[in-house]
Amino acid sequence: MATPPPAPHLLARAKRLLDDGCSYAEAERTVGVSRKTLARRFPGMGMPKGTWWPNQLRTIR
């Protein structure tokens, strides 16, 4: 039996998080929607694989 699709308000919140630069993993923990679903719904968003977030912070300064 397939799981039901995530509620639209959860997807909207996940999209806002991803737009702000969160990783798929962080959006998954915050919203409760799987990384796989988020990556499928919003491809190319989130931090690139293998990115070490402290290096990202250094580029902001």
PDB file of N, CA and C in Angstrom:
ATOM      1  N   MET A   1       0.835  -1.173   0.000  1.00  0.00           N
ATOM      2  CA  MET A   1       0.000   0.000   0.000  1.00  0.00           C
ATOM      3  C   MET A   1       0.888   1.247   0.000  1.00  0.00           C
ATOM      4  N   ALA A   2       0.622   2.147  -0.907  1.00  0.00           N
ATOM      5  CA  ALA A   2       1.418   3.363  -1.038  1.00  0.00           C
ATOM      6  C   ALA A   2       1.062   4.360   0.062  1.00  0.00           C
ATOM      7  N   THR A   3       2.051   5.129   0.458  1.00  0.00           N
ATOM      8  CA  THR A   3       1.787   6.164   1.456  1.00  0.00           C
ATOM      9  C   THR A   3       1.133   7.362   0.775  1.00  0.00           C
ATOM     10  N   PRO A   4       0.273   8.063   1.479  1.00  0.00           N
ATOM     11  CA  PRO A   4      -0.379   9.224   0.873  1.00  0.00           C
ATOM     12  C   PRO A   4       0.625  10.349   0.642  1.00  0.00           C
ATOM     13  N   PRO A   5       0.362  11.199  -0.327  1.00  0.00           N
ATOM     14  CA  PRO A   5       1.291  12.316  -0.569  1.00  0.00           C
ATOM     15  C   PRO A   5       1.290  13.280   0.615  1.00  0.00           C
ATOM     16  N   PRO A   6       2.388  13.988   0.808  1.00  0.00           N
ATOM     17  CA  PRO A   6       2.450  14.930   1.927  1.00  0.00           C
ATOM     18  C   PRO A   6       1.442  16.065   1.756  1.00  0.00           C
ATOM     19  N   ALA A   7       1.004  16.607   2.861  1.00  0.00           N
ATOM     20  CA  ALA A   7       0.049  17.718   2.846  1.00  0.00           C
ATOM     21  C   ALA A   7       0.686  18.940   2.180  1.00  0.00           C
ATOM     22  N   PRO A   8      -0.102  19.715   1.450  1.00  0.00           N
ATOM     23  CA  PRO A   8       0.437  20.894   0.761  1.00  0.00           C
ATOM     24  C   PRO A   8       1.138  21.890   1.692  1.00  0.00           C
ATOM     25  N   HIS A   9       0.640  22.062   2.914  1.00  0.00           N
ATOM     26  CA  HIS A   9       1.290  23.020   3.816  1.00  0.00           C
ATOM     27  C   HIS A   9       2.677  22.534   4.241  1.00  0.00           C
ATOM     28  N   LEU A  10       2.871  21.224   4.327  1.00  0.00           N
ATOM     29  CA  LEU A  10       4.191  20.685   4.660  1.00  0.00           C
ATOM     30  C   LEU A  10       5.162  20.897   3.507  1.00  0.00           C
ATOM     31  N   LEU A  11       4.690  20.678   2.285  1.00  0.00           N
ATOM     32  CA  LEU A  11       5.544  20.906   1.123  1.00  0.00           C
ATOM     33  C   LEU A  11       5.906  22.381   0.982  1.00  0.00           C
ATOM     34  N   ALA A  12       4.958  23.259   1.278  1.00  0.00           N
ATOM     35  CA  ALA A  12       5.228  24.698   1.195  1.00  0.00           C
ATOM     36  C   ALA A  12       6.296  25.103   2.223  1.00  0.00           C
ATOM     37  N   ARG A  13       6.190  24.552   3.421  1.00  0.00           N
ATOM     38  CA  ARG A  13       7.190  24.866   4.453  1.00  0.00           C
ATOM     39  C   ARG A  13       8.561  24.318   4.070  1.00  0.00           C
ATOM     40  N   ALA A  14       8.588  23.096   3.533  1.00  0.00           N
ATOM     41  CA  ALA A  14       9.850  22.505   3.091  1.00  0.00           C
ATOM     42  C   ALA A  14      10.466  23.347   1.975  1.00  0.00           C
ATOM     43  N   LYS A  15       9.657  23.837   1.056  1.00  0.00           N
ATOM     44  CA  LYS A  15      10.162  24.680  -0.048  1.00  0.00           C
ATOM     45  C   LYS A  15      10.773  25.958   0.496  1.00  0.00           C
ATOM     46  N   ARG A  16      10.128  26.573   1.496  1.00  0.00           N
ATOM     47  CA  ARG A  16      10.693  27.788   2.101  1.00  0.00           C
ATOM     48  C   ARG A  16      12.042  27.494   2.752  1.00  0.00           C
ATOM     49  N   LEU A  17      12.145  26.362   3.440  1.00  0.00           N
ATOM     50  CA  LEU A  17      13.416  25.981   4.064  1.00  0.00           C
ATOM     51  C   LEU A  17      14.505  25.772   3.013  1.00  0.00           C
ATOM     52  N   LEU A  18      14.159  25.065   1.947  1.00  0.00           N
ATOM     53  CA  LEU A  18      15.128  24.816   0.881  1.00  0.00           C
ATOM     54  C   LEU A  18      15.520  26.115   0.185  1.00  0.00           C
ATOM     55  N   ASP A  19      14.574  27.009  -0.007  1.00  0.00           N
ATOM     56  CA  ASP A  19      14.876  28.319  -0.596  1.00  0.00           C
ATOM     57  C   ASP A  19      15.856  29.105   0.277  1.00  0.00           C
ATOM     58  N   ASP A  20      15.770  28.898   1.591  1.00  0.00           N
ATOM     59  CA  ASP A  20      16.667  29.583   2.523  1.00  0.00           C
ATOM     60  C   ASP A  20      18.030  28.915   2.624  1.00  0.00           C
ATOM     61  N   GLY A  21      18.228  27.792   1.930  1.00  0.00           N
ATOM     62  CA  GLY A  21      19.534  27.138   1.909  1.00  0.00           C
ATOM     63  C   GLY A  21      19.670  25.918   2.781  1.00  0.00           C
ATOM     64  N   CYS A  22      18.597  25.444   3.368  1.00  0.00           N
ATOM     65  CA  CYS A  22      18.661  24.216   4.173  1.00  0.00           C
ATOM     66  C   CYS A  22      18.946  23.023   3.276  1.00  0.00           C
ATOM     67  N   SER A  23      19.531  22.008   3.868  1.00  0.00           N
ATOM     68  CA  SER A  23      19.737  20.756   3.146  1.00  0.00           C
ATOM     69  C   SER A  23      18.435  19.967   3.146  1.00  0.00           C
ATOM     70  N   TYR A  24      18.373  18.961   2.281  1.00  0.00           N
ATOM     71  CA  TYR A  24      17.200  18.085   2.281  1.00  0.00           C
ATOM     72  C   TYR A  24      17.048  17.404   3.636  1.00  0.00           C
ATOM     73  N   ALA A  25      18.183  17.038   4.243  1.00  0.00           N
ATOM     74  CA  ALA A  25      18.141  16.356   5.546  1.00  0.00           C
ATOM     75  C   ALA A  25      17.538  17.254   6.617  1.00  0.00           C
ATOM     76  N   GLU A  26      17.926  18.529   6.631  1.00  0.00           N
ATOM     77  CA  GLU A  26      17.391  19.456   7.628  1.00  0.00           C
ATOM     78  C   GLU A  26      15.904  19.694   7.395  1.00  0.00           C
ATOM     79  N   ALA A  27      15.514  19.840   6.134  1.00  0.00           N
ATOM     80  CA  ALA A  27      14.093  20.013   5.816  1.00  0.00           C
ATOM     81  C   ALA A  27      13.307  18.767   6.220  1.00  0.00           C
ATOM     82  N   GLU A  28      13.897  17.601   6.008  1.00  0.00           N
ATOM     83  CA  GLU A  28      13.238  16.350   6.406  1.00  0.00           C
ATOM     84  C   GLU A  28      13.004  16.323   7.918  1.00  0.00           C
ATOM     85  N   ARG A  29      14.034  16.670   8.692  1.00  0.00           N
ATOM     86  CA  ARG A  29      13.898  16.662  10.155  1.00  0.00           C
ATOM     87  C   ARG A  29      12.873  17.689  10.628  1.00  0.00           C
ATOM     88  N   THR A  30      12.845  18.833  10.002  1.00  0.00           N
ATOM     89  CA  THR A  30      11.965  19.915  10.445  1.00  0.00           C
ATOM     90  C   THR A  30      10.513  19.655  10.080  1.00  0.00           C
ATOM     91  N   VAL A  31      10.282  19.204   8.840  1.00  0.00           N
ATOM     92  CA  VAL A  31       8.918  19.091   8.326  1.00  0.00           C
ATOM     93  C   VAL A  31       8.341  17.691   8.491  1.00  0.00           C
ATOM     94  N   GLY A  32       9.208  16.668   8.444  1.00  0.00           N
ATOM     95  CA  GLY A  32       8.720  15.303   8.569  1.00  0.00           C
ATOM     96  C   GLY A  32       8.384  14.636   7.248  1.00  0.00           C
ATOM     97  N   VAL A  33       8.897  15.191   6.158  1.00  0.00           N
ATOM     98  CA  VAL A  33       8.715  14.602   4.827  1.00  0.00           C
ATOM     99  C   VAL A  33      10.072  14.040   4.412  1.00  0.00           C
ATOM    100  N   SER A  34      10.090  12.845   3.822  1.00  0.00           N
ATOM    101  CA  SER A  34      11.360  12.184   3.533  1.00  0.00           C
ATOM    102  C   SER A  34      12.212  12.966   2.539  1.00  0.00           C
ATOM    103  N   ARG A  35      13.531  12.774   2.692  1.00  0.00           N
ATOM    104  CA  ARG A  35      14.499  13.412   1.791  1.00  0.00           C
ATOM    105  C   ARG A  35      14.230  13.039   0.342  1.00  0.00           C
ATOM    106  N   LYS A  36      13.917  11.784   0.132  1.00  0.00           N
ATOM    107  CA  LYS A  36      13.666  11.299  -1.229  1.00  0.00           C
ATOM    108  C   LYS A  36      12.491  12.048  -1.862  1.00  0.00           C
ATOM    109  N   THR A  37      11.424  12.229  -1.097  1.00  0.00           N
ATOM    110  CA  THR A  37      10.257  12.960  -1.594  1.00  0.00           C
ATOM    111  C   THR A  37      10.617  14.414  -1.879  1.00  0.00           C
ATOM    112  N   LEU A  38      11.358  15.033  -0.965  1.00  0.00           N
ATOM    113  CA  LEU A  38      11.743  16.431  -1.162  1.00  0.00           C
ATOM    114  C   LEU A  38      12.640  16.597  -2.386  1.00  0.00           C
ATOM    115  N   ALA A  39      13.590  15.685  -2.555  1.00  0.00           N
ATOM    116  CA  ALA A  39      14.488  15.769  -3.709  1.00  0.00           C
ATOM    117  C   ALA A  39      13.728  15.553  -5.020  1.00  0.00           C
ATOM    118  N   ARG A  40      12.720  14.713  -4.980  1.00  0.00           N
ATOM    119  CA  ARG A  40      11.914  14.466  -6.179  1.00  0.00           C
ATOM    120  C   ARG A  40      11.027  15.681  -6.495  1.00  0.00           C
ATOM    121  N   ARG A  41      10.447  16.265  -5.462  1.00  0.00           N
ATOM    122  CA  ARG A  41       9.548  17.414  -5.649  1.00  0.00           C
ATOM    123  C   ARG A  41      10.297  18.696  -5.977  1.00  0.00           C
ATOM    124  N   PHE A  42      11.490  18.856  -5.374  1.00  0.00           N
ATOM    125  CA  PHE A  42      12.264  20.090  -5.534  1.00  0.00           C
ATOM    126  C   PHE A  42      13.699  19.750  -5.946  1.00  0.00           C
ATOM    127  N   PRO A  43      13.891  19.263  -7.169  1.00  0.00           N
ATOM    128  CA  PRO A  43      15.241  18.856  -7.591  1.00  0.00           C
ATOM    129  C   PRO A  43      16.197  20.048  -7.668  1.00  0.00           C
ATOM    130  N   GLY A  44      17.445  19.788  -7.328  1.00  0.00           N
ATOM    131  CA  GLY A  44      18.480  20.809  -7.437  1.00  0.00           C
ATOM    132  C   GLY A  44      18.488  21.840  -6.325  1.00  0.00           C
ATOM    133  N   MET A  45      17.668  21.648  -5.317  1.00  0.00           N
ATOM    134  CA  MET A  45      17.652  22.590  -4.196  1.00  0.00           C
ATOM    135  C   MET A  45      18.403  21.970  -3.030  1.00  0.00           C
ATOM    136  N   GLY A  46      18.592  22.741  -1.986  1.00  0.00           N
ATOM    137  CA  GLY A  46      19.319  22.235  -0.828  1.00  0.00           C
ATOM    138  C   GLY A  46      20.815  22.315  -1.077  1.00  0.00           C
ATOM    139  N   MET A  47      21.561  21.956  -0.080  1.00  0.00           N
ATOM    140  CA  MET A  47      23.016  22.011  -0.194  1.00  0.00           C
ATOM    141  C   MET A  47      23.490  20.869  -1.082  1.00  0.00           C
ATOM    142  N   PRO A  48      24.483  21.118  -1.944  1.00  0.00           N
ATOM    143  CA  PRO A  48      25.014  20.046  -2.785  1.00  0.00           C
ATOM    144  C   PRO A  48      25.605  18.926  -1.939  1.00  0.00           C
ATOM    145  N   LYS A  49      25.520  17.723  -2.460  1.00  0.00           N
ATOM    146  CA  LYS A  49      26.052  16.564  -1.751  1.00  0.00           C
ATOM    147  C   LYS A  49      27.549  16.752  -1.508  1.00  0.00           C
ATOM    148  N   GLY A  50      27.966  16.430  -0.304  1.00  0.00           N
ATOM    149  CA  GLY A  50      29.377  16.544   0.045  1.00  0.00           C
ATOM    150  C   GLY A  50      29.777  17.924   0.529  1.00  0.00           C
ATOM    151  N   THR A  51      28.845  18.844   0.640  1.00  0.00           N
ATOM    152  CA  THR A  51      29.152  20.185   1.119  1.00  0.00           C
ATOM    153  C   THR A  51      29.326  20.150   2.627  1.00  0.00           C
ATOM    154  N   TRP A  52      30.369  20.771   3.070  1.00  0.00           N
ATOM    155  CA  TRP A  52      30.604  20.874   4.498  1.00  0.00           C
ATOM    156  C   TRP A  52      30.132  22.241   4.918  1.00  0.00           C
ATOM    157  N   TRP A  53      29.071  22.329   5.718  1.00  0.00           N
ATOM    158  CA  TRP A  53      28.398  23.596   5.978  1.00  0.00           C
ATOM    159  C   TRP A  53      29.271  24.688   6.582  1.00  0.00           C
ATOM    160  N   PRO A  54      30.282  24.399   7.407  1.00  0.00           N
ATOM    161  CA  PRO A  54      31.105  25.509   7.890  1.00  0.00           C
ATOM    162  C   PRO A  54      31.819  26.259   6.763  1.00  0.00           C
ATOM    163  N   ASN A  55      32.193  25.550   5.712  1.00  0.00           N
ATOM    164  CA  ASN A  55      32.805  26.234   4.568  1.00  0.00           C
ATOM    165  C   ASN A  55      31.809  27.173   3.924  1.00  0.00           C
ATOM    166  N   GLN A  56      30.553  26.804   3.885  1.00  0.00           N
ATOM    167  CA  GLN A  56      29.523  27.672   3.332  1.00  0.00           C
ATOM    168  C   GLN A  56      29.428  28.950   4.166  1.00  0.00           C
ATOM    169  N   LEU A  57      29.521  28.842   5.480  1.00  0.00           N
ATOM    170  CA  LEU A  57      29.448  30.019   6.338  1.00  0.00           C
ATOM    171  C   LEU A  57      30.637  30.947   6.114  1.00  0.00           C
ATOM    172  N   ARG A  58      31.806  30.385   5.857  1.00  0.00           N
ATOM    173  CA  ARG A  58      32.991  31.217   5.628  1.00  0.00           C
ATOM    174  C   ARG A  58      32.850  32.074   4.367  1.00  0.00           C
ATOM    175  N   THR A  59      32.115  31.588   3.388  1.00  0.00           N
ATOM    176  CA  THR A  59      31.959  32.350   2.144  1.00  0.00           C
ATOM    177  C   THR A  59      31.021  33.536   2.339  1.00  0.00           C
ATOM    178  N   ILE A  60      30.223  33.542   3.380  1.00  0.00           N
ATOM    179  CA  ILE A  60      29.270  34.627   3.624  1.00  0.00           C
ATOM    180  C   ILE A  60      29.989  35.873   4.133  1.00  0.00           C
ATOM    181  N   ARG A  61      31.029  35.683   4.910  1.00  0.00           N
ATOM    182  CA  ARG A  61      31.737  36.812   5.534  1.00  0.00           C
ATOM    183  C   ARG A  61      32.381  37.720   4.563  1.00  0.00           C
TER     184      ARG A  61
END
